[in-house]
C-alpha atoms as a PDB file:
ATOM      1  CA  MET A   1       7.234  12.394  31.791  1.00  0.00           C
ATOM      2  CA  ASN A   2       5.854  13.204  28.339  1.00  0.00           C
ATOM      3  CA  LYS A   3       7.604  15.893  26.374  1.00  0.00           C
ATOM      4  CA  SER A   4       5.515  18.587  24.724  1.00  0.00           C
ATOM      5  CA  ARG A   5       4.911  18.059  21.041  1.00  0.00           C
ATOM      6  CA  HIS A   6       6.705  20.394  18.647  1.00  0.00           C
ATOM      7  CA  TYR A   7       4.833  21.479  15.525  1.00  0.00           C
ATOM      8  CA  PHE A   8       6.345  22.748  12.284  1.00  0.00           C
ATOM      9  CA  HIS A   9       5.068  23.687   8.834  1.00  0.00           C
ATOM     10  CA  LEU A  10       5.952  21.370   5.952  1.00  0.00           C
ATOM     11  CA  HIS A  11       5.270  22.589   2.410  1.00  0.00           C
ATOM     12  CA  LEU A  12       5.098  19.951  -0.361  1.00  0.00           C
ATOM     13  CA  VAL A  13       5.164  21.446  -3.858  1.00  0.00           C
ATOM     14  CA  SER A  14       4.695  19.215  -6.902  1.00  0.00           C
ATOM     15  CA  ASP A  15       3.907  19.545 -10.602  1.00  0.00           C
ATOM     16  CA  SER A  16       2.204  16.148 -10.386  1.00  0.00           C
ATOM     17  CA  THR A  17      -0.016  14.501  -7.748  1.00  0.00           C
ATOM     18  CA  GLY A  18       2.362  15.019  -4.825  1.00  0.00           C
ATOM     19  CA  GLU A  19       2.211  11.352  -3.799  1.00  0.00           C
ATOM     20  CA  THR A  20       5.988  10.942  -3.970  1.00  0.00           C
ATOM     21  CA  LEU A  21       6.539  13.957  -1.748  1.00  0.00           C
ATOM     22  CA  MET A  22       3.964  12.843   0.809  1.00  0.00           C
ATOM     23  CA  THR A  23       5.475   9.366   1.037  1.00  0.00           C
ATOM     24  CA  VAL A  24       9.008  10.684   1.544  1.00  0.00           C
ATOM     25  CA  ALA A  25       7.903  13.373   3.988  1.00  0.00           C
ATOM     26  CA  ARG A  26       5.958  10.963   6.170  1.00  0.00           C
ATOM     27  CA  ALA A  27       8.771   8.413   6.120  1.00  0.00           C
ATOM     28  CA  ALA A  28      11.081  11.150   7.426  1.00  0.00           C
ATOM     29  CA  THR A  29       8.839  12.807  10.025  1.00  0.00           C
ATOM     30  CA  VAL A  30       7.891   9.519  11.676  1.00  0.00           C
ATOM     31  CA  GLN A  31      11.536   9.144  12.726  1.00  0.00           C
ATOM     32  CA  TYR A  32      11.300  12.106  15.106  1.00  0.00           C
ATOM     33  CA  GLU A  33       9.505  11.726  18.434  1.00  0.00           C
ATOM     34  CA  ASN A  34       7.333  14.524  19.782  1.00  0.00           C
ATOM     35  CA  VAL A  35       7.408  16.276  16.418  1.00  0.00           C
ATOM     36  CA  GLN A  36       4.273  16.817  14.340  1.00  0.00           C
ATOM     37  CA  GLU A  37       4.215  18.348  10.884  1.00  0.00           C
ATOM     38  CA  ILE A  38       1.495  20.713   9.696  1.00  0.00           C
ATOM     39  CA  GLU A  39       1.325  19.549   6.105  1.00  0.00           C
ATOM     40  CA  HIS A  40       0.597  21.917   3.217  1.00  0.00           C
ATOM     41  CA  VAL A  41       0.290  20.083  -0.116  1.00  0.00           C
ATOM     42  CA  TYR A  42       0.318  21.908  -3.469  1.00  0.00           C
ATOM     43  CA  PRO A  43      -0.194  19.474  -6.377  1.00  0.00           C
ATOM     44  CA  LEU A  44      -0.160  20.254 -10.113  1.00  0.00           C
ATOM     45  CA  VAL A  45       1.919  23.442  -9.807  1.00  0.00           C
ATOM     46  CA  ARG A  46       2.797  24.057 -13.463  1.00  0.00           C
ATOM     47  CA  SER A  47       2.597  27.821 -13.970  1.00  0.00           C
ATOM     48  CA  GLN A  48       4.006  30.977 -12.421  1.00  0.00           C
ATOM     49  CA  LYS A  49       0.500  31.998 -11.347  1.00  0.00           C
ATOM     50  CA  GLN A  50       0.029  28.742  -9.471  1.00  0.00           C
ATOM     51  CA  LEU A  51       3.425  29.245  -7.858  1.00  0.00           C
ATOM     52  CA  ASP A  52       2.315  32.710  -6.669  1.00  0.00           C
ATOM     53  CA  ARG A  53      -0.242  31.078  -4.371  1.00  0.00           C
ATOM     54  CA  VAL A  54       2.354  28.615  -3.069  1.00  0.00           C
ATOM     55  CA  ILE A  55       4.838  31.372  -2.265  1.00  0.00           C
ATOM     56  CA  SER A  56       2.121  33.358  -0.516  1.00  0.00           C
ATOM     57  CA  GLU A  57       1.321  30.371   1.711  1.00  0.00           C
ATOM     58  CA  ILE A  58       5.003  29.801   2.519  1.00  0.00           C
ATOM     59  CA  GLU A  59       5.352  33.460   3.483  1.00  0.00           C
ATOM     60  CA  LYS A  60       2.379  33.148   5.863  1.00  0.00           C
ATOM     61  CA  ALA A  61       3.673  29.974   7.501  1.00  0.00           C
ATOM     62  CA  PRO A  62       7.435  29.522   6.967  1.00  0.00           C
ATOM     63  CA  GLY A  63       8.774  25.980   7.251  1.00  0.00           C
ATOM     64  CA  ILE A  64      10.563  23.214   5.402  1.00  0.00           C
ATOM     65  CA  VAL A  65       9.887  23.140   1.643  1.00  0.00           C
ATOM     66  CA  LEU A  66      10.146  19.871  -0.269  1.00  0.00           C
ATOM     67  CA  TYR A  67       9.423  19.919  -3.969  1.00  0.00           C
ATOM     68  CA  THR A  68       9.442  18.014  -7.248  1.00  0.00           C
ATOM     69  CA  LEU A  69       9.268  20.487 -10.126  1.00  0.00           C
ATOM     70  CA  VAL A  70      10.488  19.702 -13.629  1.00  0.00           C
ATOM     71  CA  ASP A  71      10.146  23.248 -15.026  1.00  0.00           C
ATOM     72  CA  VAL A  72      13.509  24.914 -14.341  1.00  0.00           C
ATOM     73  CA  GLU A  73      12.120  28.471 -14.218  1.00  0.00           C
ATOM     74  CA  ILE A  74       9.444  27.578 -11.686  1.00  0.00           C
ATOM     75  CA  ALA A  75      11.904  25.597  -9.568  1.00  0.00           C
ATOM     76  CA  ASP A  76      14.502  28.401  -9.655  1.00  0.00           C
ATOM     77  CA  ARG A  77      11.949  30.986  -8.576  1.00  0.00           C
ATOM     78  CA  LEU A  78      10.760  28.802  -5.705  1.00  0.00           C
ATOM     79  CA  GLU A  79      14.334  28.279  -4.530  1.00  0.00           C
ATOM     80  CA  LEU A  80      15.095  32.022  -4.771  1.00  0.00           C
ATOM     81  CA  LYS A  81      12.074  32.865  -2.645  1.00  0.00           C
ATOM     82  CA  CYS A  82      13.015  30.233  -0.072  1.00  0.00           C
ATOM     83  CA  ARG A  83      16.492  31.763   0.220  1.00  0.00           C
ATOM     84  CA  GLU A  84      14.971  35.191   0.720  1.00  0.00           C
ATOM     85  CA  LEU A  85      12.718  33.845   3.474  1.00  0.00           C
ATOM     86  CA  GLY A  86      15.531  31.853   5.034  1.00  0.00           C
ATOM     87  CA  VAL A  87      13.626  28.562   4.937  1.00  0.00           C
ATOM     88  CA  PRO A  88      15.228  25.192   4.067  1.00  0.00           C
ATOM     89  CA  PHE A  89      14.295  23.596   0.748  1.00  0.00           C
ATOM     90  CA  ILE A  90      15.214  20.596  -1.362  1.00  0.00           C
ATOM     91  CA  ASN A  91      14.164  18.950  -4.602  1.00  0.00           C
ATOM     92  CA  ILE A  92      13.917  15.423  -3.220  1.00  0.00           C
ATOM     93  CA  LEU A  93      14.553  13.787  -6.592  1.00  0.00           C
ATOM     94  CA  ASP A  94      17.755  15.716  -7.406  1.00  0.00           C
ATOM     95  CA  PRO A  95      20.085  13.290  -5.553  1.00  0.00           C
ATOM     96  CA  VAL A  96      18.384  10.361  -7.284  1.00  0.00           C
ATOM     97  CA  PHE A  97      18.658  12.005 -10.709  1.00  0.00           C
ATOM     98  CA  ALA A  98      22.336  12.745 -10.054  1.00  0.00           C
ATOM     99  CA  VAL A  99      23.098   9.098  -9.301  1.00  0.00           C
ATOM    100  CA  PHE A 100      21.155   7.889 -12.340  1.00  0.00           C
ATOM    101  CA  GLN A 101      22.822  10.376 -14.656  1.00  0.00           C
ATOM    102  CA  SER A 102      26.298   9.585 -13.345  1.00  0.00           C
ATOM    103  CA  TYR A 103      25.817   5.830 -13.643  1.00  0.00           C
ATOM    104  CA  LEU A 104      23.822   5.704 -16.894  1.00  0.00           C
ATOM    105  CA  ASN A 105      25.564   8.642 -18.571  1.00  0.00           C
ATOM    106  CA  VAL A 106      22.308   9.795 -20.120  1.00  0.00           C
ATOM    107  CA  THR A 107      20.407  13.082 -20.021  1.00  0.00           C
ATOM    108  CA  GLN A 108      17.221  13.467 -17.982  1.00  0.00           C
ATOM    109  CA  THR A 109      14.139  13.857 -20.206  1.00  0.00           C
ATOM    110  CA  ARG A 110      12.194  16.040 -17.714  1.00  0.00           C
ATOM    111  CA  ARG A 111       8.673  14.706 -18.174  1.00  0.00           C
ATOM    112  CA  VAL A 112       6.075  16.226 -15.852  1.00  0.00           C
ATOM    113  CA  GLY A 113       4.070  13.479 -14.135  1.00  0.00           C
ATOM    114  CA  GLY A 114       5.769  10.829 -16.249  1.00  0.00           C
ATOM    115  CA  GLN A 115       5.062   8.156 -13.648  1.00  0.00           C
ATOM    116  CA  HIS A 116       1.312   8.711 -14.127  1.00  0.00           C
ATOM    117  CA  GLU A 117       1.161   8.337 -17.910  1.00  0.00           C
ATOM    118  CA  LEU A 118      -1.694   6.274 -19.349  1.00  0.00           C
ATOM    119  CA  ASP A 119       0.566   3.458 -20.482  1.00  0.00           C
ATOM    120  CA  ALA A 120       0.104  -0.317 -20.439  1.00  0.00           C
ATOM    121  CA  GLU A 121       1.204  -0.465 -16.805  1.00  0.00           C
ATOM    122  CA  TYR A 122      -1.505   2.017 -15.814  1.00  0.00           C
ATOM    123  CA  PHE A 123      -4.259   0.021 -17.482  1.00  0.00           C
ATOM    124  CA  ARG A 124      -2.898  -3.184 -15.954  1.00  0.00           C
ATOM    125  CA  ARG A 125      -3.291  -1.635 -12.496  1.00  0.00           C
ATOM    126  CA  MET A 126      -6.818  -0.478 -13.290  1.00  0.00           C
ATOM    127  CA  GLU A 127      -7.754  -3.949 -14.525  1.00  0.00           C
ATOM    128  CA  ALA A 128      -6.294  -5.490 -11.377  1.00  0.00           C
ATOM    129  CA  LEU A 129      -8.180  -3.046  -9.147  1.00  0.00           C
ATOM    130  CA  ASN A 130     -11.467  -3.770 -10.920  1.00  0.00           C
ATOM    131  CA  TYR A 131     -10.878  -7.516 -10.561  1.00  0.00           C
ATOM    132  CA  THR A 132     -10.026  -7.181  -6.883  1.00  0.00           C
ATOM    133  CA  MET A 133     -13.121  -5.134  -6.058  1.00  0.00           C
ATOM    134  CA  MET A 134     -15.342  -7.665  -7.837  1.00  0.00           C
ATOM    135  CA  HIS A 135     -13.757 -10.556  -5.946  1.00  0.00           C
ATOM    136  CA  ASP A 136     -13.693  -9.038  -2.477  1.00  0.00           C
ATOM    137  CA  ASP A 137     -14.793 -11.223   0.435  1.00  0.00           C
ATOM    138  CA  GLY A 138     -15.608 -14.222  -1.763  1.00  0.00           C
ATOM    139  CA  GLN A 139     -18.180 -12.370  -3.884  1.00  0.00           C
ATOM    140  CA  ILE A 140     -17.394 -14.279  -7.085  1.00  0.00           C
ATOM    141  CA  TRP A 141     -16.077 -17.816  -6.988  1.00  0.00           C
ATOM    142  CA  ASP A 142     -16.207 -19.125 -10.546  1.00  0.00           C
ATOM    143  CA  ASP A 143     -13.160 -17.372 -12.035  1.00  0.00           C
ATOM    144  CA  LEU A 144     -10.631 -17.348  -9.196  1.00  0.00           C
ATOM    145  CA  GLU A 145      -8.299 -19.233 -11.526  1.00  0.00           C
ATOM    146  CA  SER A 146      -7.626 -15.922 -13.271  1.00  0.00           C
ATOM    147  CA  ALA A 147      -6.321 -14.334 -10.061  1.00  0.00           C
ATOM    148  CA  ASP A 148      -2.620 -13.896  -9.353  1.00  0.00           C
ATOM    149  CA  ILE A 149      -3.035 -14.192  -5.592  1.00  0.00           C
ATOM    150  CA  VAL A 150      -5.879 -15.442  -3.396  1.00  0.00           C
ATOM    151  CA  LEU A 151      -5.807 -14.466   0.269  1.00  0.00           C
ATOM    152  CA  ILE A 152      -7.714 -16.548   2.787  1.00  0.00           C
ATOM    153  CA  GLY A 153      -8.348 -15.726   6.423  1.00  0.00           C
ATOM    154  CA  ILE A 154     -10.909 -15.242   9.136  1.00  0.00           C
ATOM    155  CA  SER A 155     -12.720 -11.960   9.699  1.00  0.00           C
ATOM    156  CA  ARG A 156     -10.558  -8.894  10.536  1.00  0.00           C
ATOM    157  CA  THR A 157      -7.211 -10.112   9.195  1.00  0.00           C
ATOM    158  CA  SER A 158      -6.848  -7.184   6.735  1.00  0.00           C
ATOM    159  CA  LYS A 159      -7.649  -9.222   3.636  1.00  0.00           C
ATOM    160  CA  THR A 160      -9.485  -6.459   1.768  1.00  0.00           C
ATOM    161  CA  PRO A 161      -7.034  -3.557   2.289  1.00  0.00           C
ATOM    162  CA  THR A 162      -4.127  -5.846   1.476  1.00  0.00           C
ATOM    163  CA  CYS A 163      -5.796  -6.947  -1.767  1.00  0.00           C
ATOM    164  CA  ILE A 164      -6.457  -3.339  -2.746  1.00  0.00           C
ATOM    165  CA  TYR A 165      -2.815  -2.430  -2.080  1.00  0.00           C
ATOM    166  CA  LEU A 166      -1.675  -5.362  -4.237  1.00  0.00           C
ATOM    167  CA  ALA A 167      -4.087  -4.328  -7.006  1.00  0.00           C
ATOM    168  CA  ASN A 168      -2.464  -0.903  -7.072  1.00  0.00           C
ATOM    169  CA  ARG A 169       0.746  -2.750  -7.848  1.00  0.00           C
ATOM    170  CA  GLY A 170      -0.916  -4.488 -10.790  1.00  0.00           C
ATOM    171  CA  ILE A 171      -1.651  -7.774  -8.977  1.00  0.00           C
ATOM    172  CA  LYS A 172      -5.046  -9.408  -9.451  1.00  0.00           C
ATOM    173  CA  ALA A 173      -5.828 -10.277  -5.833  1.00  0.00           C
ATOM    174  CA  ALA A 174      -8.975 -11.947  -4.543  1.00  0.00           C
ATOM    175  CA  ASN A 175      -9.833 -12.862  -0.968  1.00  0.00           C
ATOM    176  CA  VAL A 176     -11.926 -15.652   0.473  1.00  0.00           C
ATOM    177  CA  PRO A 177     -13.241 -15.523   4.055  1.00  0.00           C
ATOM    178  CA  LEU A 178     -12.867 -18.493   6.367  1.00  0.00           C
ATOM    179  CA  VAL A 179     -16.075 -18.901   8.353  1.00  0.00           C
ATOM    180  CA  PRO A 180     -16.390 -21.310  11.326  1.00  0.00           C
ATOM    181  CA  GLY A 181     -18.528 -24.302  10.460  1.00  0.00           C
ATOM    182  CA  ILE A 182     -18.388 -23.649   6.726  1.00  0.00           C
ATOM    183  CA  PRO A 183     -15.684 -25.634   4.880  1.00  0.00           C
ATOM    184  CA  LEU A 184     -13.563 -23.929   2.261  1.00  0.00           C
ATOM    185  CA  PRO A 185     -14.952 -24.840  -1.189  1.00  0.00           C
ATOM    186  CA  GLU A 186     -13.000 -27.692  -2.751  1.00  0.00           C
ATOM    187  CA  HIS A 187     -12.446 -25.831  -6.007  1.00  0.00           C
ATOM    188  CA  VAL A 188     -10.454 -23.184  -4.107  1.00  0.00           C
ATOM    189  CA  LYS A 189      -8.069 -25.887  -2.915  1.00  0.00           C
ATOM    190  CA  LYS A 190      -7.675 -27.099  -6.509  1.00  0.00           C
ATOM    191  CA  LEU A 191      -6.665 -23.722  -7.994  1.00  0.00           C
ATOM    192  CA  LYS A 192      -3.554 -24.065 -10.184  1.00  0.00           C
ATOM    193  CA  LYS A 193      -2.505 -20.579 -11.319  1.00  0.00           C
ATOM    194  CA  PRO A 194      -3.031 -18.325  -8.277  1.00  0.00           C
ATOM    195  CA  MET A 195      -0.813 -18.383  -5.233  1.00  0.00           C
ATOM    196  CA  ILE A 196      -2.933 -18.966  -2.133  1.00  0.00           C
ATOM    197  CA  ILE A 197      -1.740 -17.307   1.075  1.00  0.00           C
ATOM    198  CA  GLY A 198      -3.281 -17.428   4.536  1.00  0.00           C
ATOM    199  CA  LEU A 199      -3.455 -14.441   6.882  1.00  0.00           C
ATOM    200  CA  ILE A 200      -3.726 -14.674  10.658  1.00  0.00           C
ATOM    201  CA  ALA A 201      -3.299 -12.368  13.649  1.00  0.00           C
ATOM    202  CA  SER A 202      -3.177 -12.863  17.391  1.00  0.00           C
ATOM    203  CA  ALA A 203      -6.445 -13.643  19.156  1.00  0.00           C
ATOM    204  CA  GLU A 204      -6.060 -10.461  21.218  1.00  0.00           C
ATOM    205  CA  ARG A 205      -5.639  -8.295  18.153  1.00  0.00           C
ATOM    206  CA  ILE A 206      -8.583  -9.796  16.273  1.00  0.00           C
ATOM    207  CA  GLN A 207     -10.789  -9.563  19.355  1.00  0.00           C
ATOM    208  CA  GLN A 208      -9.930  -5.877  19.751  1.00  0.00           C
ATOM    209  CA  ILE A 209     -10.674  -5.066  16.115  1.00  0.00           C
ATOM    210  CA  ARG A 210     -13.948  -7.017  16.141  1.00  0.00           C
ATOM    211  CA  ARG A 211     -15.121  -5.295  19.308  1.00  0.00           C
ATOM    212  CA  ASN A 212     -14.359  -1.892  17.828  1.00  0.00           C
ATOM    213  CA  ARG A 213     -16.232  -2.812  14.667  1.00  0.00           C
ATOM    214  CA  VAL A 214     -19.286  -3.944  16.611  1.00  0.00           C
ATOM    215  CA  LEU A 215     -19.265  -0.702  18.609  1.00  0.00           C
ATOM    216  CA  SER A 216     -18.845   1.446  15.488  1.00  0.00           C
ATOM    217  CA  LEU A 217     -21.836  -0.256  13.862  1.00  0.00           C
ATOM    218  CA  ASN A 218     -23.924   0.038  17.036  1.00  0.00           C
ATOM    219  CA  SER A 219     -24.837  -3.586  16.531  1.00  0.00           C
ATOM    220  CA  ASP A 220     -26.775  -5.300  19.326  1.00  0.00           C
ATOM    221  CA  GLY A 221     -27.631  -8.429  17.387  1.00  0.00           C
ATOM    222  CA  TYR A 222     -24.166  -9.797  16.664  1.00  0.00           C
ATOM    223  CA  ASN A 223     -23.205 -13.332  17.620  1.00  0.00           C
ATOM    224  CA  ASP A 224     -21.309 -13.408  20.950  1.00  0.00           C
ATOM    225  CA  THR A 225     -18.844 -15.930  19.520  1.00  0.00           C
ATOM    226  CA  TYR A 226     -17.668 -13.260  17.063  1.00  0.00           C
ATOM    227  CA  VAL A 227     -15.760 -11.487  19.843  1.00  0.00           C
ATOM    228  CA  ASP A 228     -15.127 -14.470  22.119  1.00  0.00           C
ATOM    229  CA  ARG A 229     -11.389 -14.983  22.504  1.00  0.00           C
ATOM    230  CA  LYS A 230     -11.643 -18.771  22.810  1.00  0.00           C
ATOM    231  CA  GLU A 231     -13.694 -18.989  19.617  1.00  0.00           C
ATOM    232  CA  ILE A 232     -11.270 -16.669  17.836  1.00  0.00           C
ATOM    233  CA  SER A 233      -8.348 -18.882  18.885  1.00  0.00           C
ATOM    234  CA  GLN A 234     -10.135 -21.865  17.364  1.00  0.00           C
ATOM    235  CA  GLU A 235     -10.638 -19.926  14.118  1.00  0.00           C
ATOM    236  CA  ILE A 236      -6.923 -19.108  14.032  1.00  0.00           C
ATOM    237  CA  ASN A 237      -6.020 -22.759  14.609  1.00  0.00           C
ATOM    238  CA  MET A 238      -8.409 -23.728  11.805  1.00  0.00           C
ATOM    239  CA  THR A 239      -6.538 -21.380   9.459  1.00  0.00           C
ATOM    240  CA  ARG A 240      -3.181 -22.810  10.517  1.00  0.00           C
ATOM    241  CA  ARG A 241      -4.324 -26.382   9.912  1.00  0.00           C
ATOM    242  CA  LEU A 242      -5.785 -25.531   6.520  1.00  0.00           C
ATOM    243  CA  CYS A 243      -2.598 -23.854   5.338  1.00  0.00           C
ATOM    244  CA  THR A 244      -0.416 -26.665   6.696  1.00  0.00           C
ATOM    245  CA  GLU A 245      -2.525 -29.362   5.019  1.00  0.00           C
ATOM    246  CA  ASN A 246      -2.394 -27.581   1.657  1.00  0.00           C
ATOM    247  CA  GLU A 247       1.188 -26.279   1.989  1.00  0.00           C
ATOM    248  CA  TRP A 248       0.086 -22.656   1.646  1.00  0.00           C
ATOM    249  CA  PRO A 249       2.240 -19.861   3.082  1.00  0.00           C
ATOM    250  CA  LEU A 250       0.902 -18.237   6.245  1.00  0.00           C
ATOM    251  CA  ILE A 251       1.565 -14.649   7.307  1.00  0.00           C
ATOM    252  CA  ASP A 252       0.946 -13.261  10.793  1.00  0.00           C
ATOM    253  CA  VAL A 253      -0.256  -9.668  10.342  1.00  0.00           C
ATOM    254  CA  THR A 254      -0.494  -8.820  14.054  1.00  0.00           C
ATOM    255  CA  ARG A 255       2.319  -6.273  14.069  1.00  0.00           C
ATOM    256  CA  ARG A 256       2.438  -5.546  10.353  1.00  0.00           C
ATOM    257  CA  SER A 257       1.021  -2.634   8.441  1.00  0.00           C
ATOM    258  CA  VAL A 258      -0.845  -3.374   5.218  1.00  0.00           C
ATOM    259  CA  GLU A 259       2.229  -2.176   3.302  1.00  0.00           C
ATOM    260  CA  GLU A 260       4.510  -4.565   5.195  1.00  0.00           C
ATOM    261  CA  THR A 261       2.138  -7.481   4.670  1.00  0.00           C
ATOM    262  CA  ALA A 262       1.901  -6.693   0.950  1.00  0.00           C
ATOM    263  CA  ALA A 263       5.698  -6.507   0.679  1.00  0.00           C
ATOM    264  CA  GLU A 264       6.005  -9.987   2.201  1.00  0.00           C
ATOM    265  CA  ILE A 265       3.306 -11.296  -0.149  1.00  0.00           C
ATOM    266  CA  LEU A 266       5.046  -9.804  -3.189  1.00  0.00           C
ATOM    267  CA  THR A 267       8.312 -11.480  -2.165  1.00  0.00           C
ATOM    268  CA  LEU A 268       6.552 -14.843  -1.838  1.00  0.00           C
ATOM    269  CA  PHE A 269       4.751 -14.276  -5.141  1.00  0.00           C
ATOM    270  CA  LYS A 270       8.013 -13.537  -6.946  1.00  0.00           C
ATOM    271  CA  GLU A 271       9.483 -16.781  -5.634  1.00  0.00           C
ATOM    272  CA  HIS A 272       6.278 -18.604  -6.603  1.00  0.00           C
ATOM    273  CA  LYS A 273       6.422 -17.314 -10.172  1.00  0.00           C
ATOM    274  CA  SER A 274      10.094 -18.194 -10.471  1.00  0.00           C
ATOM    275  CA  GLY A 275       9.292 -21.722  -9.336  1.00  0.00           C
ATOM    276  CA  GLN A 276       6.445 -22.031 -11.874  1.00  0.00           C
ATOM    277  CA  GLU A 277       8.626 -20.794 -14.738  1.00  0.00           C
ATOM    278  CA  GLY A 278      11.433 -23.147 -13.789  1.00  0.00           C
ATOM    279  CA  ALA A 279       9.237 -26.216 -13.293  1.00  0.00           C
ATOM    280  CA  PRO A 280       9.548 -28.925 -16.007  1.00  0.00           C
ATOM    281  CA  GLU A 281       6.547 -29.502 -18.245  1.00  0.00           C
ATOM    282  CA  THR A 282       4.626 -32.722 -17.674  1.00  0.00           C
ATOM    283  CA  GLY A 283       2.066 -34.777 -19.521  1.00  0.00           C
ATOM    284  CA  ARG A 284       3.655 -34.484 -22.982  1.00  0.00           C
ATOM    285  CA  ALA A 285       4.944 -37.305 -25.069  1.00  0.00           C
ATOM    286  CA  GLY A 286       8.659 -37.228 -25.751  1.00  0.00           C
END
């Protein structure tokens, strides 16, 4: 028997984009069955006037308040109002700051939105994202050597979203589709710098996704083999053979989210880079 779903209001107040709050909040709420949050997000709250609107919304729909506010006066006022309303609240970064300060014995600098500054890391991510978008689905072949990671796989194995996620971590990721009857270009097999990784999923999963895609596109002219389970199984076996022959890692994404797949790829990539840096140089006279 299904239990009725319980709804509650969740207020996320940030002086930056609110991404940190949303990530933490969703990681927490997913742990509770039959509970659904009604999310209220207030980004870029940096003045008392902006806080007025937030407080007004909390008064209208009381609930849990999570916040990340650097300005002490704004944070104190929010906390005071929450106490008056009798609603729970927490600055989710306070415990983290406390541990850092205790261990490092340094004072917090209190920089609003410091993680989003336009520093070298930011521009590296933007460069990676631009590269990834240009090299999606095998669009450009001639400069794959400049990639950090090249993902290969048949249709509907989450190559594109995984590459975009990696790009947001500063990784230049390209993806190359494996198409039945069309051999993988030889120059892809000869790439030296990038790490090549294969992605597969179960035949059932790929068939389901492909059918949904065909229906969403209202396509009547698609090839029947595209959603044929036997044909899909052969495509998967082709991917397995290719990766085995070339000693490329292979990841089954059937039960993985994009984030989980990317985490596995990043672990493999770190090991790959460590192996490259530790490998002896060859071809030089002693």
